[in-house]
Amino acid sequence: MTTKRTDPFRYTLTPPLACKMEITHIDDVPLQSKPATVDLIDINKSGCRIGTGLNLHASTYHIRAAVHIQLNENLCVYNGEIRWQEEIEPAMFHYGLSLELSPDEKEQLNIELRSLAASGRIVVL
């Protein structure tokens, strides 16, 4: 069977995993922010989707962030950019982040995700 899939597989966490996100830049202006607790809903080696009650107005501002994720034993910090925002219900937002990972980070993330998939903690879509 031949597939034309070009996107990496998306791994959905069931239930979503609590992690931290801190905003590092707004409109290319660096800033220091306190990490906020967010839910990691799904992830792959090119991006992730998070959920939070925070309205970041991502359609108005160019926002860069660092996501602190502990999938297995290691805490990893991935830098990225918020690409989209969707209000799921009043005061609950989903954000799509494009992650900027080095080849080594991509490989390490793949290893951790495959391990979680094998243990049944995530669903591959």
PDB file of N, CA and C in Angstrom:
ATOM      1  N   MET A   1       0.841  -1.178   0.000  1.00  0.00           N
ATOM      2  CA  MET A   1       0.000   0.000   0.000  1.00  0.00           C
ATOM      3  C   MET A   1       0.888   1.243   0.000  1.00  0.00           C
ATOM      4  N   THR A   2       0.597   2.167  -0.872  1.00  0.00           N
ATOM      5  CA  THR A   2       1.356   3.404  -0.980  1.00  0.00           C
ATOM      6  C   THR A   2       0.560   4.533  -0.344  1.00  0.00           C
ATOM      7  N   THR A   3       1.256   5.377   0.384  1.00  0.00           N
ATOM      8  CA  THR A   3       0.598   6.521   1.016  1.00  0.00           C
ATOM      9  C   THR A   3       1.241   7.809   0.523  1.00  0.00           C
ATOM     10  N   LYS A   4       0.465   8.862   0.504  1.00  0.00           N
ATOM     11  CA  LYS A   4       0.984  10.166   0.086  1.00  0.00           C
ATOM     12  C   LYS A   4       1.136  11.103   1.276  1.00  0.00           C
ATOM     13  N   ARG A   5       1.128  10.546   2.465  1.00  0.00           N
ATOM     14  CA  ARG A   5       1.215  11.354   3.667  1.00  0.00           C
ATOM     15  C   ARG A   5       2.543  12.099   3.701  1.00  0.00           C
ATOM     16  N   THR A   6       2.479  13.418   3.896  1.00  0.00           N
ATOM     17  CA  THR A   6       3.699  14.221   4.015  1.00  0.00           C
ATOM     18  C   THR A   6       3.853  14.781   5.419  1.00  0.00           C
ATOM     19  N   ASP A   7       2.751  14.891   6.161  1.00  0.00           N
ATOM     20  CA  ASP A   7       2.816  15.394   7.531  1.00  0.00           C
ATOM     21  C   ASP A   7       3.234  14.266   8.465  1.00  0.00           C
ATOM     22  N   PRO A   8       3.970  14.608   9.529  1.00  0.00           N
ATOM     23  CA  PRO A   8       4.307  13.576  10.503  1.00  0.00           C
ATOM     24  C   PRO A   8       3.049  13.130  11.246  1.00  0.00           C
ATOM     25  N   PHE A   9       3.085  11.911  11.783  1.00  0.00           N
ATOM     26  CA  PHE A   9       1.961  11.424  12.566  1.00  0.00           C
ATOM     27  C   PHE A   9       1.730  12.336  13.758  1.00  0.00           C
ATOM     28  N   ARG A  10       0.465  12.520  14.120  1.00  0.00           N
ATOM     29  CA  ARG A  10       0.101  13.338  15.269  1.00  0.00           C
ATOM     30  C   ARG A  10      -0.239  12.394  16.415  1.00  0.00           C
ATOM     31  N   TYR A  11       0.319  12.658  17.575  1.00  0.00           N
ATOM     32  CA  TYR A  11       0.108  11.833  18.757  1.00  0.00           C
ATOM     33  C   TYR A  11      -0.815  12.584  19.710  1.00  0.00           C
ATOM     34  N   THR A  12      -1.994  12.019  19.980  1.00  0.00           N
ATOM     35  CA  THR A  12      -2.972  12.633  20.874  1.00  0.00           C
ATOM     36  C   THR A  12      -2.811  12.041  22.261  1.00  0.00           C
ATOM     37  N   LEU A  13      -2.651  12.906  23.248  1.00  0.00           N
ATOM     38  CA  LEU A  13      -2.477  12.454  24.619  1.00  0.00           C
ATOM     39  C   LEU A  13      -3.840  12.256  25.264  1.00  0.00           C
ATOM     40  N   THR A  14      -4.039  11.093  25.865  1.00  0.00           N
ATOM     41  CA  THR A  14      -5.307  10.791  26.520  1.00  0.00           C
ATOM     42  C   THR A  14      -5.038  10.367  27.956  1.00  0.00           C
ATOM     43  N   PRO A  15      -5.403  11.162  28.927  1.00  0.00           N
ATOM     44  CA  PRO A  15      -5.932  12.525  28.845  1.00  0.00           C
ATOM     45  C   PRO A  15      -4.807  13.508  28.507  1.00  0.00           C
ATOM     46  N   PRO A  16      -5.179  14.766  28.199  1.00  0.00           N
ATOM     47  CA  PRO A  16      -4.140  15.771  27.927  1.00  0.00           C
ATOM     48  C   PRO A  16      -3.147  15.876  29.090  1.00  0.00           C
ATOM     49  N   LEU A  17      -1.917  16.192  28.753  1.00  0.00           N
ATOM     50  CA  LEU A  17      -0.828  16.266  29.723  1.00  0.00           C
ATOM     51  C   LEU A  17      -0.618  17.708  30.172  1.00  0.00           C
ATOM     52  N   ALA A  18      -0.611  17.930  31.484  1.00  0.00           N
ATOM     53  CA  ALA A  18      -0.325  19.272  32.007  1.00  0.00           C
ATOM     54  C   ALA A  18       1.148  19.587  31.753  1.00  0.00           C
ATOM     55  N   CYS A  19       1.404  20.766  31.229  1.00  0.00           N
ATOM     56  CA  CYS A  19       2.771  21.221  30.995  1.00  0.00           C
ATOM     57  C   CYS A  19       2.806  22.734  31.214  1.00  0.00           C
ATOM     58  N   LYS A  20       3.934  23.338  30.976  1.00  0.00           N
ATOM     59  CA  LYS A  20       4.087  24.786  31.170  1.00  0.00           C
ATOM     60  C   LYS A  20       4.420  25.451  29.841  1.00  0.00           C
ATOM     61  N   MET A  21       3.943  26.681  29.688  1.00  0.00           N
ATOM     62  CA  MET A  21       4.274  27.481  28.517  1.00  0.00           C
ATOM     63  C   MET A  21       4.603  28.887  28.992  1.00  0.00           C
ATOM     64  N   GLU A  22       5.676  29.441  28.448  1.00  0.00           N
ATOM     65  CA  GLU A  22       6.011  30.828  28.754  1.00  0.00           C
ATOM     66  C   GLU A  22       6.171  31.594  27.451  1.00  0.00           C
ATOM     67  N   ILE A  23       5.640  32.784  27.423  1.00  0.00           N
ATOM     68  CA  ILE A  23       5.759  33.641  26.250  1.00  0.00           C
ATOM     69  C   ILE A  23       7.141  34.270  26.276  1.00  0.00           C
ATOM     70  N   THR A  24       7.870  34.163  25.163  1.00  0.00           N
ATOM     71  CA  THR A  24       9.230  34.703  25.105  1.00  0.00           C
ATOM     72  C   THR A  24       9.322  35.983  24.282  1.00  0.00           C
ATOM     73  N   HIS A  25       8.421  36.155  23.298  1.00  0.00           N
ATOM     74  CA  HIS A  25       8.421  37.348  22.438  1.00  0.00           C
ATOM     75  C   HIS A  25       6.989  37.677  22.030  1.00  0.00           C
ATOM     76  N   ILE A  26       6.674  38.948  21.991  1.00  0.00           N
ATOM     77  CA  ILE A  26       5.427  39.426  21.387  1.00  0.00           C
ATOM     78  C   ILE A  26       5.823  40.464  20.351  1.00  0.00           C
ATOM     79  N   ASP A  27       5.417  40.235  19.108  1.00  0.00           N
ATOM     80  CA  ASP A  27       5.792  41.108  17.987  1.00  0.00           C
ATOM     81  C   ASP A  27       7.298  41.353  17.954  1.00  0.00           C
ATOM     82  N   ASP A  28       8.067  40.286  18.122  1.00  0.00           N
ATOM     83  CA  ASP A  28       9.535  40.288  18.079  1.00  0.00           C
ATOM     84  C   ASP A  28      10.196  41.080  19.203  1.00  0.00           C
ATOM     85  N   VAL A  29       9.434  41.463  20.224  1.00  0.00           N
ATOM     86  CA  VAL A  29       9.992  42.133  21.396  1.00  0.00           C
ATOM     87  C   VAL A  29      10.177  41.077  22.485  1.00  0.00           C
ATOM     88  N   PRO A  30      11.428  40.831  22.918  1.00  0.00           N
ATOM     89  CA  PRO A  30      11.643  39.824  23.956  1.00  0.00           C
ATOM     90  C   PRO A  30      11.028  40.261  25.282  1.00  0.00           C
ATOM     91  N   LEU A  31      10.538  39.276  26.025  1.00  0.00           N
ATOM     92  CA  LEU A  31      10.012  39.576  27.352  1.00  0.00           C
ATOM     93  C   LEU A  31      10.166  38.355  28.227  1.00  0.00           C
ATOM     94  N   GLN A  32      10.080  38.604  29.519  1.00  0.00           N
ATOM     95  CA  GLN A  32      10.130  37.517  30.484  1.00  0.00           C
ATOM     96  C   GLN A  32       8.736  37.365  31.061  1.00  0.00           C
ATOM     97  N   SER A  33       8.246  36.147  31.049  1.00  0.00           N
ATOM     98  CA  SER A  33       6.928  35.889  31.607  1.00  0.00           C
ATOM     99  C   SER A  33       7.004  34.678  32.521  1.00  0.00           C
ATOM    100  N   LYS A  34       6.043  34.590  33.415  1.00  0.00           N
ATOM    101  CA  LYS A  34       5.955  33.421  34.278  1.00  0.00           C
ATOM    102  C   LYS A  34       5.356  32.278  33.469  1.00  0.00           C
ATOM    103  N   PRO A  35       5.880  31.090  33.627  1.00  0.00           N
ATOM    104  CA  PRO A  35       5.267  29.955  32.932  1.00  0.00           C
ATOM    105  C   PRO A  35       3.837  29.727  33.429  1.00  0.00           C
ATOM    106  N   ALA A  36       2.934  29.510  32.491  1.00  0.00           N
ATOM    107  CA  ALA A  36       1.537  29.220  32.808  1.00  0.00           C
ATOM    108  C   ALA A  36       1.281  27.739  32.555  1.00  0.00           C
ATOM    109  N   THR A  37       0.430  27.143  33.360  1.00  0.00           N
ATOM    110  CA  THR A  37       0.063  25.747  33.153  1.00  0.00           C
ATOM    111  C   THR A  37      -0.927  25.653  32.000  1.00  0.00           C
ATOM    112  N   VAL A  38      -0.635  24.777  31.055  1.00  0.00           N
ATOM    113  CA  VAL A  38      -1.493  24.537  29.891  1.00  0.00           C
ATOM    114  C   VAL A  38      -1.629  23.023  29.717  1.00  0.00           C
ATOM    115  N   ASP A  39      -2.597  22.614  28.912  1.00  0.00           N
ATOM    116  CA  ASP A  39      -2.780  21.193  28.605  1.00  0.00           C
ATOM    117  C   ASP A  39      -2.212  20.892  27.229  1.00  0.00           C
ATOM    118  N   LEU A  40      -1.340  19.913  27.157  1.00  0.00           N
ATOM    119  CA  LEU A  40      -0.821  19.441  25.879  1.00  0.00           C
ATOM    120  C   LEU A  40      -1.821  18.428  25.333  1.00  0.00           C
ATOM    121  N   ILE A  41      -2.453  18.757  24.209  1.00  0.00           N
ATOM    122  CA  ILE A  41      -3.510  17.925  23.638  1.00  0.00           C
ATOM    123  C   ILE A  41      -2.947  16.944  22.626  1.00  0.00           C
ATOM    124  N   ASP A  42      -2.131  17.444  21.713  1.00  0.00           N
ATOM    125  CA  ASP A  42      -1.461  16.551  20.768  1.00  0.00           C
ATOM    126  C   ASP A  42      -0.139  17.166  20.348  1.00  0.00           C
ATOM    127  N   ILE A  43       0.720  16.300  19.781  1.00  0.00           N
ATOM    128  CA  ILE A  43       2.070  16.748  19.440  1.00  0.00           C
ATOM    129  C   ILE A  43       2.626  15.871  18.319  1.00  0.00           C
ATOM    130  N   ASN A  44       3.486  16.447  17.518  1.00  0.00           N
ATOM    131  CA  ASN A  44       4.325  15.695  16.589  1.00  0.00           C
ATOM    132  C   ASN A  44       5.630  16.469  16.461  1.00  0.00           C
ATOM    133  N   LYS A  45       6.518  16.019  15.580  1.00  0.00           N
ATOM    134  CA  LYS A  45       7.835  16.659  15.529  1.00  0.00           C
ATOM    135  C   LYS A  45       7.835  18.020  14.849  1.00  0.00           C
ATOM    136  N   SER A  46       6.680  18.459  14.337  1.00  0.00           N
ATOM    137  CA  SER A  46       6.639  19.797  13.748  1.00  0.00           C
ATOM    138  C   SER A  46       5.795  20.777  14.550  1.00  0.00           C
ATOM    139  N   GLY A  47       4.986  20.286  15.481  1.00  0.00           N
ATOM    140  CA  GLY A  47       4.158  21.212  16.242  1.00  0.00           C
ATOM    141  C   GLY A  47       3.327  20.515  17.296  1.00  0.00           C
ATOM    142  N   CYS A  48       2.539  21.318  18.006  1.00  0.00           N
ATOM    143  CA  CYS A  48       1.674  20.768  19.038  1.00  0.00           C
ATOM    144  C   CYS A  48       0.429  21.638  19.186  1.00  0.00           C
ATOM    145  N   ARG A  49      -0.578  21.067  19.860  1.00  0.00           N
ATOM    146  CA  ARG A  49      -1.788  21.814  20.177  1.00  0.00           C
ATOM    147  C   ARG A  49      -1.921  21.819  21.688  1.00  0.00           C
ATOM    148  N   ILE A  50      -2.154  23.018  22.233  1.00  0.00           N
ATOM    149  CA  ILE A  50      -2.330  23.157  23.670  1.00  0.00           C
ATOM    150  C   ILE A  50      -3.692  23.782  23.950  1.00  0.00           C
ATOM    151  N   GLY A  51      -4.168  23.585  25.164  1.00  0.00           N
ATOM    152  CA  GLY A  51      -5.410  24.188  25.604  1.00  0.00           C
ATOM    153  C   GLY A  51      -5.182  24.962  26.889  1.00  0.00           C
ATOM    154  N   THR A  52      -5.848  26.113  27.006  1.00  0.00           N
ATOM    155  CA  THR A  52      -5.717  26.955  28.193  1.00  0.00           C
ATOM    156  C   THR A  52      -6.894  27.920  28.269  1.00  0.00           C
ATOM    157  N   GLY A  53      -7.096  28.475  29.432  1.00  0.00           N
ATOM    158  CA  GLY A  53      -8.117  29.502  29.605  1.00  0.00           C
ATOM    159  C   GLY A  53      -7.616  30.889  29.242  1.00  0.00           C
ATOM    160  N   LEU A  54      -6.348  31.016  28.889  1.00  0.00           N
ATOM    161  CA  LEU A  54      -5.762  32.316  28.565  1.00  0.00           C
ATOM    162  C   LEU A  54      -6.079  32.724  27.131  1.00  0.00           C
ATOM    163  N   ASN A  55      -6.586  33.929  26.952  1.00  0.00           N
ATOM    164  CA  ASN A  55      -6.811  34.478  25.613  1.00  0.00           C
ATOM    165  C   ASN A  55      -5.595  35.323  25.252  1.00  0.00           C
ATOM    166  N   LEU A  56      -4.765  34.818  24.367  1.00  0.00           N
ATOM    167  CA  LEU A  56      -3.514  35.494  24.005  1.00  0.00           C
ATOM    168  C   LEU A  56      -3.650  36.406  22.796  1.00  0.00           C
ATOM    169  N   HIS A  57      -4.816  36.461  22.185  1.00  0.00           N
ATOM    170  CA  HIS A  57      -5.055  37.304  21.004  1.00  0.00           C
ATOM    171  C   HIS A  57      -4.004  37.029  19.927  1.00  0.00           C
ATOM    172  N   ALA A  58      -3.832  35.746  19.628  1.00  0.00           N
ATOM    173  CA  ALA A  58      -2.790  35.326  18.685  1.00  0.00           C
ATOM    174  C   ALA A  58      -3.030  35.815  17.261  1.00  0.00           C
ATOM    175  N   SER A  59      -4.258  36.171  16.923  1.00  0.00           N
ATOM    176  CA  SER A  59      -4.499  36.699  15.575  1.00  0.00           C
ATOM    177  C   SER A  59      -4.046  38.151  15.460  1.00  0.00           C
ATOM    178  N   THR A  60      -3.883  38.822  16.595  1.00  0.00           N
ATOM    179  CA  THR A  60      -3.467  40.221  16.616  1.00  0.00           C
ATOM    180  C   THR A  60      -1.953  40.362  16.762  1.00  0.00           C
ATOM    181  N   TYR A  61      -1.345  39.453  17.513  1.00  0.00           N
ATOM    182  CA  TYR A  61       0.079  39.555  17.838  1.00  0.00           C
ATOM    183  C   TYR A  61       0.850  38.352  17.301  1.00  0.00           C
ATOM    184  N   HIS A  62       2.118  38.580  16.984  1.00  0.00           N
ATOM    185  CA  HIS A  62       3.038  37.499  16.629  1.00  0.00           C
ATOM    186  C   HIS A  62       3.675  37.051  17.937  1.00  0.00           C
ATOM    187  N   ILE A  63       3.351  35.835  18.377  1.00  0.00           N
ATOM    188  CA  ILE A  63       3.768  35.366  19.700  1.00  0.00           C
ATOM    189  C   ILE A  63       4.694  34.164  19.561  1.00  0.00           C
ATOM    190  N   ARG A  64       5.843  34.261  20.225  1.00  0.00           N
ATOM    191  CA  ARG A  64       6.781  33.145  20.329  1.00  0.00           C
ATOM    192  C   ARG A  64       6.751  32.665  21.772  1.00  0.00           C
ATOM    193  N   ALA A  65       6.877  31.358  21.947  1.00  0.00           N
ATOM    194  CA  ALA A  65       6.751  30.789  23.284  1.00  0.00           C
ATOM    195  C   ALA A  65       7.688  29.602  23.442  1.00  0.00           C
ATOM    196  N   ALA A  66       7.924  29.249  24.695  1.00  0.00           N
ATOM    197  CA  ALA A  66       8.668  28.038  25.037  1.00  0.00           C
ATOM    198  C   ALA A  66       7.712  27.128  25.799  1.00  0.00           C
ATOM    199  N   VAL A  67       7.652  25.873  25.374  1.00  0.00           N
ATOM    200  CA  VAL A  67       6.778  24.894  26.012  1.00  0.00           C
ATOM    201  C   VAL A  67       7.659  23.910  26.774  1.00  0.00           C
ATOM    202  N   HIS A  68       7.356  23.726  28.059  1.00  0.00           N
ATOM    203  CA  HIS A  68       8.099  22.817  28.935  1.00  0.00           C
ATOM    204  C   HIS A  68       7.282  21.530  29.051  1.00  0.00           C
ATOM    205  N   ILE A  69       7.791  20.442  28.480  1.00  0.00           N
ATOM    206  CA  ILE A  69       7.034  19.194  28.394  1.00  0.00           C
ATOM    207  C   ILE A  69       7.844  18.057  29.007  1.00  0.00           C
ATOM    208  N   GLN A  70       7.182  17.270  29.856  1.00  0.00           N
ATOM    209  CA  GLN A  70       7.813  16.069  30.391  1.00  0.00           C
ATOM    210  C   GLN A  70       6.967  14.870  29.971  1.00  0.00           C
ATOM    211  N   LEU A  71       7.367  14.226  28.868  1.00  0.00           N
ATOM    212  CA  LEU A  71       6.628  13.074  28.360  1.00  0.00           C
ATOM    213  C   LEU A  71       6.999  11.806  29.117  1.00  0.00           C
ATOM    214  N   ASN A  72       8.271  11.583  29.334  1.00  0.00           N
ATOM    215  CA  ASN A  72       8.747  10.425  30.092  1.00  0.00           C
ATOM    216  C   ASN A  72       9.524  10.945  31.296  1.00  0.00           C
ATOM    217  N   GLU A  73      10.809  10.633  31.381  1.00  0.00           N
ATOM    218  CA  GLU A  73      11.599  11.088  32.520  1.00  0.00           C
ATOM    219  C   GLU A  73      12.198  12.473  32.333  1.00  0.00           C
ATOM    220  N   ASN A  74      12.485  12.845  31.102  1.00  0.00           N
ATOM    221  CA  ASN A  74      13.203  14.089  30.842  1.00  0.00           C
ATOM    222  C   ASN A  74      12.259  15.260  30.616  1.00  0.00           C
ATOM    223  N   LEU A  75      12.569  16.379  31.245  1.00  0.00           N
ATOM    224  CA  LEU A  75      11.842  17.622  30.981  1.00  0.00           C
ATOM    225  C   LEU A  75      12.514  18.292  29.785  1.00  0.00           C
ATOM    226  N   CYS A  76      11.733  18.550  28.752  1.00  0.00           N
ATOM    227  CA  CYS A  76      12.258  19.180  27.538  1.00  0.00           C
ATOM    228  C   CYS A  76      11.605  20.538  27.355  1.00  0.00           C
ATOM    229  N   VAL A  77      12.379  21.489  26.851  1.00  0.00           N
ATOM    230  CA  VAL A  77      11.858  22.822  26.549  1.00  0.00           C
ATOM    231  C   VAL A  77      11.983  23.015  25.046  1.00  0.00           C
ATOM    232  N   TYR A  78      10.833  23.240  24.401  1.00  0.00           N
ATOM    233  CA  TYR A  78      10.789  23.420  22.957  1.00  0.00           C
ATOM    234  C   TYR A  78      10.324  24.831  22.637  1.00  0.00           C
ATOM    235  N   ASN A  79      11.079  25.518  21.796  1.00  0.00           N
ATOM    236  CA  ASN A  79      10.696  26.860  21.361  1.00  0.00           C
ATOM    237  C   ASN A  79       9.826  26.763  20.122  1.00  0.00           C
ATOM    238  N   GLY A  80       8.918  27.719  20.006  1.00  0.00           N
ATOM    239  CA  GLY A  80       8.044  27.717  18.845  1.00  0.00           C
ATOM    240  C   GLY A  80       7.280  29.013  18.709  1.00  0.00           C
ATOM    241  N   GLU A  81       6.336  28.984  17.802  1.00  0.00           N
ATOM    242  CA  GLU A  81       5.558  30.171  17.456  1.00  0.00           C
ATOM    243  C   GLU A  81       4.083  29.775  17.394  1.00  0.00           C
ATOM    244  N   ILE A  82       3.227  30.601  17.970  1.00  0.00           N
ATOM    245  CA  ILE A  82       1.792  30.330  17.905  1.00  0.00           C
ATOM    246  C   ILE A  82       1.308  30.668  16.505  1.00  0.00           C
ATOM    247  N   ARG A  83       0.719  29.669  15.834  1.00  0.00           N
ATOM    248  CA  ARG A  83       0.262  29.834  14.454  1.00  0.00           C
ATOM    249  C   ARG A  83      -1.232  30.113  14.361  1.00  0.00           C
ATOM    250  N   TRP A  84      -2.008  29.587  15.306  1.00  0.00           N
ATOM    251  CA  TRP A  84      -3.451  29.804  15.270  1.00  0.00           C
ATOM    252  C   TRP A  84      -4.038  29.716  16.679  1.00  0.00           C
ATOM    253  N   GLN A  85      -5.216  30.283  16.821  1.00  0.00           N
ATOM    254  CA  GLN A  85      -5.960  30.281  18.081  1.00  0.00           C
ATOM    255  C   GLN A  85      -7.413  29.979  17.753  1.00  0.00           C
ATOM    256  N   GLU A  86      -8.053  29.143  18.585  1.00  0.00           N
ATOM    257  CA  GLU A  86      -9.461  28.819  18.398  1.00  0.00           C
ATOM    258  C   GLU A  86     -10.138  28.794  19.763  1.00  0.00           C
ATOM    259  N   GLU A  87     -11.259  29.502  19.877  1.00  0.00           N
ATOM    260  CA  GLU A  87     -12.020  29.471  21.125  1.00  0.00           C
ATOM    261  C   GLU A  87     -12.933  28.254  21.073  1.00  0.00           C
ATOM    262  N   ILE A  88     -12.687  27.290  21.940  1.00  0.00           N
ATOM    263  CA  ILE A  88     -13.431  26.038  21.958  1.00  0.00           C
ATOM    264  C   ILE A  88     -14.768  26.217  22.666  1.00  0.00           C
ATOM    265  N   GLU A  89     -14.744  26.929  23.753  1.00  0.00           N
ATOM    266  CA  GLU A  89     -15.933  27.287  24.523  1.00  0.00           C
ATOM    267  C   GLU A  89     -15.586  28.570  25.253  1.00  0.00           C
ATOM    268  N   PRO A  90     -16.560  29.229  25.865  1.00  0.00           N
ATOM    269  CA  PRO A  90     -16.202  30.478  26.562  1.00  0.00           C
ATOM    270  C   PRO A  90     -15.051  30.246  27.553  1.00  0.00           C
ATOM    271  N   ALA A  91     -14.055  31.079  27.445  1.00  0.00           N
ATOM    272  CA  ALA A  91     -12.869  31.061  28.313  1.00  0.00           C
ATOM    273  C   ALA A  91     -12.051  29.774  28.199  1.00  0.00           C
ATOM    274  N   MET A  92     -12.105  29.092  27.046  1.00  0.00           N
ATOM    275  CA  MET A  92     -11.226  27.950  26.792  1.00  0.00           C
ATOM    276  C   MET A  92     -10.741  28.035  25.352  1.00  0.00           C
ATOM    277  N   PHE A  93      -9.413  28.096  25.206  1.00  0.00           N
ATOM    278  CA  PHE A  93      -8.806  28.309  23.897  1.00  0.00           C
ATOM    279  C   PHE A  93      -7.844  27.177  23.564  1.00  0.00           C
ATOM    280  N   HIS A  94      -7.793  26.832  22.291  1.00  0.00           N
ATOM    281  CA  HIS A  94      -6.775  25.925  21.770  1.00  0.00           C
ATOM    282  C   HIS A  94      -5.830  26.747  20.910  1.00  0.00           C
ATOM    283  N   TYR A  95      -4.540  26.412  20.987  1.00  0.00           N
ATOM    284  CA  TYR A  95      -3.513  27.091  20.205  1.00  0.00           C
ATOM    285  C   TYR A  95      -2.695  26.053  19.460  1.00  0.00           C
ATOM    286  N   GLY A  96      -2.346  26.371  18.233  1.00  0.00           N
ATOM    287  CA  GLY A  96      -1.431  25.546  17.464  1.00  0.00           C
ATOM    288  C   GLY A  96      -0.067  26.192  17.471  1.00  0.00           C
ATOM    289  N   LEU A  97       0.929  25.448  17.910  1.00  0.00           N
ATOM    290  CA  LEU A  97       2.299  25.950  17.939  1.00  0.00           C
ATOM    291  C   LEU A  97       3.137  25.212  16.914  1.00  0.00           C
ATOM    292  N   SER A  98       3.898  25.957  16.149  1.00  0.00           N
ATOM    293  CA  SER A  98       4.888  25.398  15.243  1.00  0.00           C
ATOM    294  C   SER A  98       6.187  25.320  16.038  1.00  0.00           C
ATOM    295  N   LEU A  99       6.704  24.111  16.234  1.00  0.00           N
ATOM    296  CA  LEU A  99       7.912  23.935  17.036  1.00  0.00           C
ATOM    297  C   LEU A  99       9.154  24.036  16.163  1.00  0.00           C
ATOM    298  N   GLU A 100      10.193  24.636  16.720  1.00  0.00           N
ATOM    299  CA  GLU A 100      11.473  24.796  16.028  1.00  0.00           C
ATOM    300  C   GLU A 100      12.474  23.859  16.685  1.00  0.00           C
ATOM    301  N   LEU A 101      12.529  22.634  16.174  1.00  0.00           N
ATOM    302  CA  LEU A 101      13.358  21.606  16.784  1.00  0.00           C
ATOM    303  C   LEU A 101      14.581  21.316  15.929  1.00  0.00           C
ATOM    304  N   SER A 102      15.696  21.080  16.602  1.00  0.00           N
ATOM    305  CA  SER A 102      16.903  20.634  15.905  1.00  0.00           C
ATOM    306  C   SER A 102      16.688  19.175  15.483  1.00  0.00           C
ATOM    307  N   PRO A 103      17.494  18.669  14.561  1.00  0.00           N
ATOM    308  CA  PRO A 103      17.362  17.251  14.183  1.00  0.00           C
ATOM    309  C   PRO A 103      17.485  16.306  15.383  1.00  0.00           C
ATOM    310  N   ASP A 104      18.373  16.614  16.325  1.00  0.00           N
ATOM    311  CA  ASP A 104      18.518  15.777  17.519  1.00  0.00           C
ATOM    312  C   ASP A 104      17.266  15.832  18.391  1.00  0.00           C
ATOM    313  N   GLU A 105      16.684  17.032  18.543  1.00  0.00           N
ATOM    314  CA  GLU A 105      15.456  17.167  19.330  1.00  0.00           C
ATOM    315  C   GLU A 105      14.304  16.412  18.669  1.00  0.00           C
ATOM    316  N   LYS A 106      14.217  16.470  17.341  1.00  0.00           N
ATOM    317  CA  LYS A 106      13.168  15.734  16.623  1.00  0.00           C
ATOM    318  C   LYS A 106      13.302  14.238  16.856  1.00  0.00           C
ATOM    319  N   GLU A 107      14.524  13.737  16.779  1.00  0.00           N
ATOM    320  CA  GLU A 107      14.748  12.306  16.984  1.00  0.00           C
ATOM    321  C   GLU A 107      14.410  11.900  18.413  1.00  0.00           C
ATOM    322  N   GLN A 108      14.832  12.704  19.395  1.00  0.00           N
ATOM    323  CA  GLN A 108      14.529  12.401  20.796  1.00  0.00           C
ATOM    324  C   GLN A 108      13.024  12.427  21.038  1.00  0.00           C
ATOM    325  N   LEU A 109      12.329  13.405  20.472  1.00  0.00           N
ATOM    326  CA  LEU A 109      10.876  13.492  20.618  1.00  0.00           C
ATOM    327  C   LEU A 109      10.213  12.269  19.984  1.00  0.00           C
ATOM    328  N   ASN A 110      10.665  11.861  18.815  1.00  0.00           N
ATOM    329  CA  ASN A 110      10.118  10.667  18.160  1.00  0.00           C
ATOM    330  C   ASN A 110      10.272   9.427  19.031  1.00  0.00           C
ATOM    331  N   ILE A 111      11.431   9.265  19.642  1.00  0.00           N
ATOM    332  CA  ILE A 111      11.684   8.113  20.512  1.00  0.00           C
ATOM    333  C   ILE A 111      10.720   8.129  21.690  1.00  0.00           C
ATOM    334  N   GLU A 112      10.557   9.294  22.320  1.00  0.00           N
ATOM    335  CA  GLU A 112       9.662   9.390  23.472  1.00  0.00           C
ATOM    336  C   GLU A 112       8.213   9.142  23.073  1.00  0.00           C
ATOM    337  N   LEU A 113       7.798   9.670  21.920  1.00  0.00           N
ATOM    338  CA  LEU A 113       6.419   9.484  21.474  1.00  0.00           C
ATOM    339  C   LEU A 113       6.140   8.024  21.127  1.00  0.00           C
ATOM    340  N   ARG A 114       7.073   7.358  20.482  1.00  0.00           N
ATOM    341  CA  ARG A 114       6.884   5.940  20.166  1.00  0.00           C
ATOM    342  C   ARG A 114       6.786   5.107  21.439  1.00  0.00           C
ATOM    343  N   SER A 115       7.575   5.471  22.449  1.00  0.00           N
ATOM    344  CA  SER A 115       7.520   4.772  23.730  1.00  0.00           C
ATOM    345  C   SER A 115       6.152   4.947  24.387  1.00  0.00           C
ATOM    346  N   LEU A 116       5.631   6.171  24.358  1.00  0.00           N
ATOM    347  CA  LEU A 116       4.309   6.423  24.937  1.00  0.00           C
ATOM    348  C   LEU A 116       3.216   5.707  24.152  1.00  0.00           C
ATOM    349  N   ALA A 117       3.339   5.662  22.832  1.00  0.00           N
ATOM    350  CA  ALA A 117       2.347   4.968  22.006  1.00  0.00           C
ATOM    351  C   ALA A 117       2.347   3.471  22.316  1.00  0.00           C
ATOM    352  N   ALA A 118       3.532   2.898  22.505  1.00  0.00           N
ATOM    353  CA  ALA A 118       3.628   1.473  22.818  1.00  0.00           C
ATOM    354  C   ALA A 118       2.997   1.152  24.167  1.00  0.00           C
ATOM    355  N   SER A 119       3.058   2.093  25.110  1.00  0.00           N
ATOM    356  CA  SER A 119       2.475   1.862  26.437  1.00  0.00           C
ATOM    357  C   SER A 119       0.996   2.234  26.494  1.00  0.00           C
ATOM    358  N   GLY A 120       0.441   2.729  25.388  1.00  0.00           N
ATOM    359  CA  GLY A 120      -0.982   3.054  25.338  1.00  0.00           C
ATOM    360  C   GLY A 120      -1.359   4.387  25.953  1.00  0.00           C
ATOM    361  N   ARG A 121      -0.382   5.232  26.261  1.00  0.00           N
ATOM    362  CA  ARG A 121      -0.672   6.528  26.885  1.00  0.00           C
ATOM    363  C   ARG A 121      -1.038   7.601  25.875  1.00  0.00           C
ATOM    364  N   ILE A 122      -0.763   7.340  24.594  1.00  0.00           N
ATOM    365  CA  ILE A 122      -1.141   8.279  23.546  1.00  0.00           C
ATOM    366  C   ILE A 122      -1.729   7.507  22.372  1.00  0.00           C
ATOM    367  N   VAL A 123      -2.506   8.211  21.565  1.00  0.00           N
ATOM    368  CA  VAL A 123      -3.137   7.625  20.388  1.00  0.00           C
ATOM    369  C   VAL A 123      -2.495   8.250  19.160  1.00  0.00           C
ATOM    370  N   VAL A 124      -2.153   7.431  18.188  1.00  0.00           N
ATOM    371  CA  VAL A 124      -1.531   7.922  16.963  1.00  0.00           C
ATOM    372  C   VAL A 124      -2.623   8.209  15.945  1.00  0.00           C
ATOM    373  N   LEU A 125      -2.647   9.449  15.420  1.00  0.00           N
ATOM    374  CA  LEU A 125      -3.623   9.831  14.395  1.00  0.00           C
ATOM    375  C   LEU A 125      -2.908  10.185  13.111  1.00  0.00           C
TER     376      LEU A 125
END
